[in-house]
Amino acid sequence: MKFLHLLDKNAERWLLLTFYVMLVATMAVEVLRREVFSYSSIWGEEIVRYSFIYLAWIGAAAAVKERAHIRIDVIMHYLGPRTKALLYIFGDIVMFLVAIVALQSSFEAVHVSAKFGSVTDGLRISKVWFLMAVPAGFTLIIWRLLQSFRRDFHSLRTGKPVYEGDTLFD
């Protein structure tokens, strides 16, 4: 149970760190190879590209978890805790519906790629592994939205201030 709590708390951090290190290390090696040895590989650019795609989708889920997406919240400062919680719940419902539709649509590309056996140009690995970044990202987003609903409904019931995430500017 402790491991699941640790995983829930830090999953995006660990994944982001892994893909970021992979991206930076591969890019550094490729720049070195190109500038020093006048040779570059086909696969290096692909690893960097797909690592960046995974970074974007996992980062989107992490932003949902921390309520860190860009938003205009001037009105929120003038609302009471109950109204503020209801507004956050409404926003999360809209995001949840969009994420469900996007998740369903993103599986189409994965299905077509698996059906026809498409592979990447350099690595010669099935594109399914890389196309899964989008459904995996939306699945994480949906999971974090469900947790947000739970947290917000609890705040609404108890009258506590709703979680607003960290502020960038005060």
N, C-alpha and C. Protein backbone atom coordinates (compact mmCIF):
# COMPACT_ATOMS: atom_id res chain seq x y z
N MET A 1 0.82 -1.19 0.00
CA MET A 1 0.00 0.00 0.00
C MET A 1 0.87 1.26 0.00
N LYS A 2 1.97 1.21 0.72
CA LYS A 2 2.87 2.35 0.78
C LYS A 2 3.50 2.62 -0.59
N PHE A 3 3.82 1.52 -1.32
CA PHE A 3 4.39 1.66 -2.66
C PHE A 3 3.39 2.33 -3.60
N LEU A 4 2.11 1.95 -3.52
CA LEU A 4 1.09 2.55 -4.39
C LEU A 4 0.93 4.04 -4.09
N HIS A 5 0.99 4.41 -2.81
CA HIS A 5 0.90 5.82 -2.44
C HIS A 5 2.11 6.58 -3.00
N LEU A 6 3.29 5.99 -2.89
CA LEU A 6 4.51 6.60 -3.41
C LEU A 6 4.44 6.73 -4.93
N LEU A 7 3.93 5.71 -5.58
CA LEU A 7 3.77 5.73 -7.04
C LEU A 7 2.77 6.81 -7.45
N ASP A 8 1.64 6.89 -6.74
CA ASP A 8 0.63 7.89 -7.06
C ASP A 8 1.18 9.30 -6.87
N LYS A 9 1.99 9.48 -5.87
CA LYS A 9 2.53 10.81 -5.56
C LYS A 9 3.62 11.23 -6.55
N ASN A 10 4.43 10.27 -7.01
CA ASN A 10 5.62 10.62 -7.79
C ASN A 10 5.70 10.02 -9.19
N ALA A 11 4.68 9.36 -9.68
CA ALA A 11 4.76 8.68 -10.97
C ALA A 11 5.18 9.62 -12.10
N GLU A 12 4.50 10.75 -12.19
CA GLU A 12 4.83 11.69 -13.26
C GLU A 12 6.24 12.24 -13.11
N ARG A 13 6.67 12.52 -11.89
CA ARG A 13 8.04 13.02 -11.68
C ARG A 13 9.07 12.03 -12.19
N TRP A 14 8.91 10.77 -11.82
CA TRP A 14 9.87 9.75 -12.24
C TRP A 14 9.86 9.57 -13.75
N LEU A 15 8.68 9.53 -14.34
CA LEU A 15 8.58 9.38 -15.79
C LEU A 15 9.16 10.60 -16.51
N LEU A 16 8.85 11.78 -16.02
CA LEU A 16 9.39 12.99 -16.64
C LEU A 16 10.91 13.02 -16.55
N LEU A 17 11.44 12.65 -15.40
CA LEU A 17 12.89 12.61 -15.24
C LEU A 17 13.52 11.61 -16.19
N THR A 18 12.92 10.44 -16.31
CA THR A 18 13.45 9.39 -17.20
C THR A 18 13.48 9.87 -18.65
N PHE A 19 12.37 10.40 -19.13
CA PHE A 19 12.32 10.84 -20.53
C PHE A 19 13.18 12.07 -20.77
N TYR A 20 13.28 12.94 -19.77
CA TYR A 20 14.13 14.13 -19.93
C TYR A 20 15.60 13.74 -20.01
N VAL A 21 16.04 12.86 -19.14
CA VAL A 21 17.43 12.40 -19.18
C VAL A 21 17.72 11.69 -20.50
N MET A 22 16.78 10.86 -20.95
CA MET A 22 16.96 10.16 -22.22
C MET A 22 17.07 11.17 -23.37
N LEU A 23 16.24 12.19 -23.36
CA LEU A 23 16.26 13.22 -24.40
C LEU A 23 17.57 13.98 -24.39
N VAL A 24 17.99 14.47 -23.23
CA VAL A 24 19.21 15.28 -23.14
C VAL A 24 20.45 14.45 -23.45
N ALA A 25 20.52 13.24 -22.92
CA ALA A 25 21.69 12.39 -23.17
C ALA A 25 21.82 12.04 -24.65
N THR A 26 20.71 11.67 -25.26
CA THR A 26 20.74 11.32 -26.68
C THR A 26 21.10 12.52 -27.53
N MET A 27 20.53 13.68 -27.19
CA MET A 27 20.84 14.89 -27.95
C MET A 27 22.31 15.26 -27.81
N ALA A 28 22.85 15.15 -26.61
CA ALA A 28 24.26 15.47 -26.39
C ALA A 28 25.17 14.53 -27.18
N VAL A 29 24.85 13.25 -27.16
CA VAL A 29 25.64 12.27 -27.92
C VAL A 29 25.56 12.57 -29.41
N GLU A 30 24.38 12.88 -29.89
CA GLU A 30 24.22 13.15 -31.32
C GLU A 30 24.94 14.43 -31.75
N VAL A 31 24.90 15.46 -30.92
CA VAL A 31 25.63 16.69 -31.25
C VAL A 31 27.12 16.41 -31.27
N LEU A 32 27.61 15.67 -30.28
CA LEU A 32 29.02 15.30 -30.23
C LEU A 32 29.41 14.49 -31.48
N ARG A 33 28.60 13.52 -31.82
CA ARG A 33 28.90 12.69 -32.99
C ARG A 33 28.91 13.52 -34.27
N ARG A 34 27.96 14.44 -34.37
CA ARG A 34 27.85 15.24 -35.59
C ARG A 34 29.01 16.24 -35.70
N GLU A 35 29.34 16.91 -34.61
CA GLU A 35 30.36 17.97 -34.65
C GLU A 35 31.78 17.44 -34.61
N VAL A 36 32.00 16.37 -33.84
CA VAL A 36 33.37 15.85 -33.69
C VAL A 36 33.69 14.79 -34.75
N PHE A 37 32.75 13.88 -34.96
CA PHE A 37 33.02 12.76 -35.86
C PHE A 37 32.39 12.92 -37.24
N SER A 38 31.68 14.02 -37.46
CA SER A 38 30.99 14.27 -38.74
C SER A 38 30.10 13.09 -39.15
N TYR A 39 29.44 12.53 -38.16
CA TYR A 39 28.56 11.40 -38.40
C TYR A 39 27.38 11.50 -37.43
N SER A 40 26.21 11.23 -37.92
CA SER A 40 25.05 11.19 -37.02
C SER A 40 24.20 9.98 -37.36
N SER A 41 23.43 9.57 -36.41
CA SER A 41 22.60 8.38 -36.61
C SER A 41 21.17 8.77 -36.95
N ILE A 42 20.44 7.85 -37.52
CA ILE A 42 19.03 8.07 -37.82
C ILE A 42 18.21 7.93 -36.55
N TRP A 43 18.59 7.00 -35.71
CA TRP A 43 17.80 6.68 -34.53
C TRP A 43 17.86 7.75 -33.44
N GLY A 44 18.94 8.52 -33.39
CA GLY A 44 19.08 9.54 -32.34
C GLY A 44 17.98 10.58 -32.39
N GLU A 45 17.70 11.05 -33.59
CA GLU A 45 16.66 12.06 -33.76
C GLU A 45 15.29 11.49 -33.37
N GLU A 46 15.07 10.23 -33.67
CA GLU A 46 13.79 9.59 -33.31
C GLU A 46 13.63 9.46 -31.80
N ILE A 47 14.68 9.07 -31.12
CA ILE A 47 14.61 8.95 -29.66
C ILE A 47 14.30 10.29 -29.03
N VAL A 48 14.95 11.34 -29.51
CA VAL A 48 14.71 12.68 -28.98
C VAL A 48 13.26 13.09 -29.25
N ARG A 49 12.79 12.87 -30.46
CA ARG A 49 11.42 13.27 -30.82
C ARG A 49 10.38 12.54 -29.97
N TYR A 50 10.52 11.23 -29.85
CA TYR A 50 9.52 10.47 -29.11
C TYR A 50 9.63 10.70 -27.60
N SER A 51 10.83 10.95 -27.11
CA SER A 51 10.98 11.31 -25.69
C SER A 51 10.27 12.63 -25.41
N PHE A 52 10.38 13.56 -26.34
CA PHE A 52 9.73 14.85 -26.17
C PHE A 52 8.20 14.70 -26.17
N ILE A 53 7.70 13.84 -27.03
CA ILE A 53 6.25 13.60 -27.09
C ILE A 53 5.77 13.02 -25.77
N TYR A 54 6.47 12.03 -25.24
CA TYR A 54 6.09 11.47 -23.94
C TYR A 54 6.20 12.52 -22.84
N LEU A 55 7.25 13.36 -22.89
CA LEU A 55 7.40 14.44 -21.91
C LEU A 55 6.18 15.36 -21.92
N ALA A 56 5.71 15.71 -23.10
CA ALA A 56 4.57 16.63 -23.21
C ALA A 56 3.32 16.03 -22.59
N TRP A 57 3.02 14.78 -22.89
CA TRP A 57 1.77 14.18 -22.39
C TRP A 57 1.84 13.86 -20.90
N ILE A 58 2.97 13.41 -20.44
CA ILE A 58 3.11 13.14 -19.00
C ILE A 58 3.11 14.46 -18.24
N GLY A 59 3.74 15.48 -18.82
CA GLY A 59 3.74 16.80 -18.21
C GLY A 59 2.34 17.39 -18.13
N ALA A 60 1.50 17.12 -19.13
CA ALA A 60 0.12 17.60 -19.09
C ALA A 60 -0.63 16.95 -17.92
N ALA A 61 -0.40 15.66 -17.71
CA ALA A 61 -1.04 14.98 -16.58
C ALA A 61 -0.54 15.53 -15.25
N ALA A 62 0.76 15.80 -15.18
CA ALA A 62 1.32 16.38 -13.94
C ALA A 62 0.73 17.75 -13.68
N ALA A 63 0.49 18.52 -14.73
CA ALA A 63 -0.10 19.85 -14.57
C ALA A 63 -1.55 19.75 -14.10
N VAL A 64 -2.27 18.74 -14.56
CA VAL A 64 -3.65 18.54 -14.09
C VAL A 64 -3.62 18.21 -12.60
N LYS A 65 -2.69 17.36 -12.21
CA LYS A 65 -2.59 16.96 -10.81
C LYS A 65 -2.34 18.16 -9.90
N GLU A 66 -1.48 19.06 -10.33
CA GLU A 66 -1.08 20.21 -9.52
C GLU A 66 -1.89 21.47 -9.82
N ARG A 67 -2.88 21.35 -10.69
CA ARG A 67 -3.68 22.50 -11.15
C ARG A 67 -2.74 23.61 -11.65
N ALA A 68 -1.81 23.22 -12.49
CA ALA A 68 -0.79 24.14 -12.95
C ALA A 68 -0.99 24.60 -14.40
N HIS A 69 -2.08 24.17 -15.03
CA HIS A 69 -2.34 24.64 -16.39
C HIS A 69 -2.64 26.13 -16.37
N ILE A 70 -2.35 26.78 -17.45
CA ILE A 70 -2.60 28.22 -17.55
C ILE A 70 -4.09 28.48 -17.44
N ARG A 71 -4.44 29.43 -16.60
CA ARG A 71 -5.85 29.78 -16.44
C ARG A 71 -5.94 31.25 -16.01
N ILE A 72 -7.08 31.82 -16.27
CA ILE A 72 -7.33 33.19 -15.84
C ILE A 72 -8.19 33.07 -14.58
N ASP A 73 -7.62 33.45 -13.46
CA ASP A 73 -8.31 33.22 -12.19
C ASP A 73 -8.57 34.51 -11.40
N VAL A 74 -8.69 35.62 -12.11
CA VAL A 74 -8.95 36.89 -11.43
C VAL A 74 -10.27 36.82 -10.67
N ILE A 75 -11.28 36.27 -11.29
CA ILE A 75 -12.61 36.18 -10.67
C ILE A 75 -12.57 35.29 -9.42
N MET A 76 -11.72 34.29 -9.44
CA MET A 76 -11.66 33.33 -8.33
C MET A 76 -11.34 34.00 -6.99
N HIS A 77 -10.61 35.09 -7.04
CA HIS A 77 -10.23 35.78 -5.81
C HIS A 77 -11.42 36.43 -5.11
N TYR A 78 -12.49 36.66 -5.86
CA TYR A 78 -13.67 37.34 -5.31
C TYR A 78 -14.80 36.37 -4.95
N LEU A 79 -14.59 35.08 -5.15
CA LEU A 79 -15.63 34.10 -4.89
C LEU A 79 -15.44 33.43 -3.53
N GLY A 80 -16.53 32.96 -2.99
CA GLY A 80 -16.48 32.21 -1.75
C GLY A 80 -15.97 30.79 -2.00
N PRO A 81 -15.63 30.06 -0.93
CA PRO A 81 -15.07 28.72 -1.09
C PRO A 81 -16.02 27.75 -1.81
N ARG A 82 -17.29 27.83 -1.54
CA ARG A 82 -18.26 26.91 -2.16
C ARG A 82 -18.39 27.17 -3.67
N THR A 83 -18.52 28.43 -4.03
CA THR A 83 -18.63 28.80 -5.45
C THR A 83 -17.35 28.47 -6.20
N LYS A 84 -16.23 28.73 -5.55
CA LYS A 84 -14.93 28.43 -6.15
C LYS A 84 -14.79 26.92 -6.41
N ALA A 85 -15.19 26.12 -5.45
CA ALA A 85 -15.13 24.66 -5.61
C ALA A 85 -16.03 24.22 -6.76
N LEU A 86 -17.23 24.78 -6.83
CA LEU A 86 -18.15 24.41 -7.91
C LEU A 86 -17.59 24.80 -9.28
N LEU A 87 -16.94 25.94 -9.35
CA LEU A 87 -16.35 26.38 -10.61
C LEU A 87 -15.19 25.48 -11.03
N TYR A 88 -14.37 25.09 -10.07
CA TYR A 88 -13.28 24.16 -10.39
C TYR A 88 -13.84 22.80 -10.82
N ILE A 89 -14.88 22.34 -10.17
CA ILE A 89 -15.50 21.07 -10.55
C ILE A 89 -16.06 21.17 -11.97
N PHE A 90 -16.72 22.28 -12.28
CA PHE A 90 -17.25 22.48 -13.63
C PHE A 90 -16.12 22.43 -14.67
N GLY A 91 -15.04 23.12 -14.41
CA GLY A 91 -13.89 23.12 -15.32
C GLY A 91 -13.30 21.73 -15.49
N ASP A 92 -13.23 20.99 -14.40
CA ASP A 92 -12.71 19.62 -14.47
C ASP A 92 -13.66 18.70 -15.24
N ILE A 93 -14.96 18.93 -15.12
CA ILE A 93 -15.93 18.13 -15.88
C ILE A 93 -15.75 18.36 -17.38
N VAL A 94 -15.59 19.61 -17.76
CA VAL A 94 -15.37 19.93 -19.18
C VAL A 94 -14.08 19.27 -19.67
N MET A 95 -13.01 19.40 -18.88
CA MET A 95 -11.74 18.78 -19.25
C MET A 95 -11.86 17.26 -19.31
N PHE A 96 -12.62 16.69 -18.39
CA PHE A 96 -12.83 15.24 -18.35
C PHE A 96 -13.54 14.76 -19.62
N LEU A 97 -14.57 15.46 -20.04
CA LEU A 97 -15.30 15.09 -21.25
C LEU A 97 -14.41 15.18 -22.48
N VAL A 98 -13.63 16.24 -22.57
CA VAL A 98 -12.70 16.39 -23.69
C VAL A 98 -11.66 15.26 -23.67
N ALA A 99 -11.16 14.92 -22.50
CA ALA A 99 -10.15 13.87 -22.38
C ALA A 99 -10.71 12.50 -22.77
N ILE A 100 -11.98 12.24 -22.43
CA ILE A 100 -12.60 10.96 -22.81
C ILE A 100 -12.71 10.86 -24.33
N VAL A 101 -13.17 11.92 -24.97
CA VAL A 101 -13.30 11.93 -26.43
C VAL A 101 -11.92 11.80 -27.08
N ALA A 102 -10.95 12.53 -26.58
CA ALA A 102 -9.59 12.48 -27.13
C ALA A 102 -8.96 11.11 -26.92
N LEU A 103 -9.23 10.49 -25.78
CA LEU A 103 -8.69 9.15 -25.52
C LEU A 103 -9.24 8.15 -26.53
N GLN A 104 -10.53 8.20 -26.76
CA GLN A 104 -11.14 7.30 -27.74
C GLN A 104 -10.57 7.53 -29.13
N SER A 105 -10.41 8.78 -29.51
CA SER A 105 -9.88 9.11 -30.84
C SER A 105 -8.42 8.71 -30.98
N SER A 106 -7.65 8.85 -29.92
CA SER A 106 -6.22 8.54 -30.00
C SER A 106 -5.96 7.05 -30.17
N PHE A 107 -6.88 6.23 -29.72
CA PHE A 107 -6.70 4.79 -29.90
C PHE A 107 -6.85 4.37 -31.36
N GLU A 108 -7.52 5.19 -32.17
CA GLU A 108 -7.66 4.87 -33.60
C GLU A 108 -6.31 4.81 -34.28
N ALA A 109 -5.47 5.80 -34.03
CA ALA A 109 -4.14 5.83 -34.65
C ALA A 109 -3.30 4.64 -34.20
N VAL A 110 -3.40 4.31 -32.93
CA VAL A 110 -2.66 3.15 -32.40
C VAL A 110 -3.16 1.87 -33.07
N HIS A 111 -4.47 1.74 -33.19
CA HIS A 111 -5.07 0.54 -33.81
C HIS A 111 -4.64 0.40 -35.27
N VAL A 112 -4.67 1.49 -36.02
CA VAL A 112 -4.28 1.45 -37.44
C VAL A 112 -2.81 1.08 -37.56
N SER A 113 -1.97 1.67 -36.72
CA SER A 113 -0.54 1.37 -36.75
C SER A 113 -0.28 -0.10 -36.42
N ALA A 114 -1.00 -0.63 -35.45
CA ALA A 114 -0.82 -2.05 -35.08
C ALA A 114 -1.34 -2.96 -36.20
N LYS A 115 -2.44 -2.56 -36.79
CA LYS A 115 -3.05 -3.38 -37.85
C LYS A 115 -2.13 -3.53 -39.06
N PHE A 116 -1.49 -2.43 -39.44
CA PHE A 116 -0.64 -2.45 -40.63
C PHE A 116 0.83 -2.69 -40.31
N GLY A 117 1.18 -2.79 -39.05
CA GLY A 117 2.55 -3.10 -38.65
C GLY A 117 3.57 -2.03 -38.99
N SER A 118 3.20 -0.78 -38.89
CA SER A 118 4.13 0.30 -39.23
C SER A 118 5.26 0.38 -38.19
N VAL A 119 6.44 0.68 -38.70
CA VAL A 119 7.63 0.78 -37.85
C VAL A 119 8.31 2.12 -38.08
N THR A 120 9.13 2.53 -37.13
CA THR A 120 9.86 3.79 -37.27
C THR A 120 10.97 3.62 -38.31
N ASP A 121 11.40 4.73 -38.91
CA ASP A 121 12.39 4.67 -39.98
C ASP A 121 13.76 4.24 -39.50
N GLY A 122 14.20 4.78 -38.37
CA GLY A 122 15.56 4.50 -37.90
C GLY A 122 15.66 3.33 -36.96
N LEU A 123 14.81 3.31 -35.97
CA LEU A 123 14.89 2.26 -34.94
C LEU A 123 14.29 0.94 -35.39
N ARG A 124 13.39 1.00 -36.38
CA ARG A 124 12.69 -0.21 -36.87
C ARG A 124 11.89 -0.87 -35.76
N ILE A 125 11.32 -0.04 -34.88
CA ILE A 125 10.46 -0.50 -33.78
C ILE A 125 9.03 -0.13 -34.14
N SER A 126 8.10 -0.94 -33.71
CA SER A 126 6.69 -0.67 -33.98
C SER A 126 6.31 0.73 -33.49
N LYS A 127 5.62 1.47 -34.35
CA LYS A 127 5.19 2.83 -33.99
C LYS A 127 4.15 2.82 -32.88
N VAL A 128 3.57 1.68 -32.61
CA VAL A 128 2.57 1.58 -31.55
C VAL A 128 3.14 2.08 -30.23
N TRP A 129 4.40 1.74 -29.95
CA TRP A 129 5.02 2.14 -28.69
C TRP A 129 5.08 3.66 -28.56
N PHE A 130 5.25 4.33 -29.66
CA PHE A 130 5.38 5.78 -29.61
C PHE A 130 4.03 6.47 -29.74
N LEU A 131 3.13 5.89 -30.51
CA LEU A 131 1.79 6.44 -30.63
C LEU A 131 1.00 6.28 -29.33
N MET A 132 1.40 5.34 -28.49
CA MET A 132 0.73 5.13 -27.21
C MET A 132 0.96 6.29 -26.23
N ALA A 133 1.84 7.21 -26.57
CA ALA A 133 2.08 8.36 -25.70
C ALA A 133 0.80 9.17 -25.50
N VAL A 134 0.01 9.31 -26.55
CA VAL A 134 -1.20 10.12 -26.46
C VAL A 134 -2.26 9.44 -25.59
N PRO A 135 -2.63 8.18 -25.87
CA PRO A 135 -3.61 7.55 -24.96
C PRO A 135 -3.09 7.39 -23.53
N ALA A 136 -1.80 7.13 -23.38
CA ALA A 136 -1.24 7.02 -22.03
C ALA A 136 -1.34 8.36 -21.31
N GLY A 137 -1.06 9.43 -22.01
CA GLY A 137 -1.18 10.76 -21.42
C GLY A 137 -2.61 11.09 -21.03
N PHE A 138 -3.55 10.80 -21.92
CA PHE A 138 -4.95 11.08 -21.60
C PHE A 138 -5.47 10.17 -20.49
N THR A 139 -4.97 8.95 -20.41
CA THR A 139 -5.36 8.07 -19.32
C THR A 139 -4.88 8.64 -17.98
N LEU A 140 -3.63 9.11 -17.96
CA LEU A 140 -3.12 9.75 -16.74
C LEU A 140 -3.91 11.02 -16.40
N ILE A 141 -4.26 11.79 -17.42
CA ILE A 141 -5.04 13.01 -17.20
C ILE A 141 -6.40 12.65 -16.59
N ILE A 142 -7.05 11.64 -17.13
CA ILE A 142 -8.36 11.22 -16.60
C ILE A 142 -8.22 10.75 -15.17
N TRP A 143 -7.17 9.98 -14.87
CA TRP A 143 -6.95 9.51 -13.50
C TRP A 143 -6.77 10.70 -12.55
N ARG A 144 -5.97 11.68 -12.97
CA ARG A 144 -5.73 12.85 -12.11
C ARG A 144 -7.00 13.70 -11.98
N LEU A 145 -7.83 13.74 -13.00
CA LEU A 145 -9.10 14.47 -12.89
C LEU A 145 -10.05 13.77 -11.92
N LEU A 146 -10.06 12.45 -11.94
CA LEU A 146 -10.89 11.71 -10.98
C LEU A 146 -10.44 12.00 -9.55
N GLN A 147 -9.13 12.06 -9.34
CA GLN A 147 -8.61 12.41 -8.03
C GLN A 147 -8.97 13.85 -7.66
N SER A 148 -8.96 14.72 -8.65
CA SER A 148 -9.33 16.11 -8.41
C SER A 148 -10.80 16.23 -8.03
N PHE A 149 -11.66 15.46 -8.71
CA PHE A 149 -13.09 15.44 -8.34
C PHE A 149 -13.26 15.04 -6.88
N ARG A 150 -12.58 13.98 -6.51
CA ARG A 150 -12.67 13.47 -5.13
C ARG A 150 -12.23 14.54 -4.13
N ARG A 151 -11.10 15.18 -4.42
CA ARG A 151 -10.56 16.22 -3.55
C ARG A 151 -11.51 17.43 -3.47
N ASP A 152 -12.06 17.83 -4.62
CA ASP A 152 -12.94 19.00 -4.65
C ASP A 152 -14.29 18.73 -3.99
N PHE A 153 -14.84 17.54 -4.20
CA PHE A 153 -16.10 17.20 -3.54
C PHE A 153 -15.93 17.14 -2.02
N HIS A 154 -14.77 16.66 -1.59
CA HIS A 154 -14.47 16.65 -0.15
C HIS A 154 -14.39 18.08 0.38
N SER A 155 -13.74 18.97 -0.36
CA SER A 155 -13.65 20.37 0.05
C SER A 155 -15.04 21.01 0.07
N LEU A 156 -15.86 20.66 -0.90
CA LEU A 156 -17.21 21.20 -0.98
C LEU A 156 -18.06 20.75 0.21
N ARG A 157 -17.93 19.46 0.56
CA ARG A 157 -18.69 18.91 1.70
C ARG A 157 -18.26 19.49 3.03
N THR A 158 -16.97 19.64 3.21
CA THR A 158 -16.45 20.07 4.51
C THR A 158 -16.36 21.60 4.63
N GLY A 159 -16.48 22.31 3.51
CA GLY A 159 -16.39 23.76 3.55
C GLY A 159 -14.96 24.28 3.57
N LYS A 160 -13.99 23.39 3.41
CA LYS A 160 -12.59 23.81 3.36
C LYS A 160 -12.30 24.49 2.03
N PRO A 161 -11.28 25.34 1.98
CA PRO A 161 -10.91 25.96 0.70
C PRO A 161 -10.47 24.90 -0.31
N VAL A 162 -10.87 25.09 -1.54
CA VAL A 162 -10.53 24.15 -2.60
C VAL A 162 -9.04 24.27 -2.93
N TYR A 163 -8.44 23.16 -3.35
CA TYR A 163 -7.03 23.14 -3.73
C TYR A 163 -6.89 23.91 -5.04
N GLU A 164 -6.03 24.92 -5.03
CA GLU A 164 -5.84 25.74 -6.22
C GLU A 164 -4.49 25.57 -6.87
N GLY A 165 -3.64 24.73 -6.30
CA GLY A 165 -2.31 24.56 -6.85
C GLY A 165 -1.39 25.67 -6.39
N ASP A 166 -0.16 25.60 -6.81
CA ASP A 166 0.80 26.64 -6.46
C ASP A 166 0.62 27.83 -7.39
N THR A 167 0.80 29.01 -6.87
CA THR A 167 0.70 30.20 -7.68
C THR A 167 2.06 30.57 -8.24
N LEU A 168 2.07 31.07 -9.46
CA LEU A 168 3.32 31.48 -10.09
C LEU A 168 3.72 32.87 -9.59
N PHE A 169 2.74 33.75 -9.48
CA PHE A 169 2.97 35.11 -9.00
C PHE A 169 2.01 35.41 -7.87
N ASP A 170 2.43 36.17 -6.90
CA ASP A 170 1.54 36.61 -5.83
C ASP A 170 1.08 38.02 -6.04
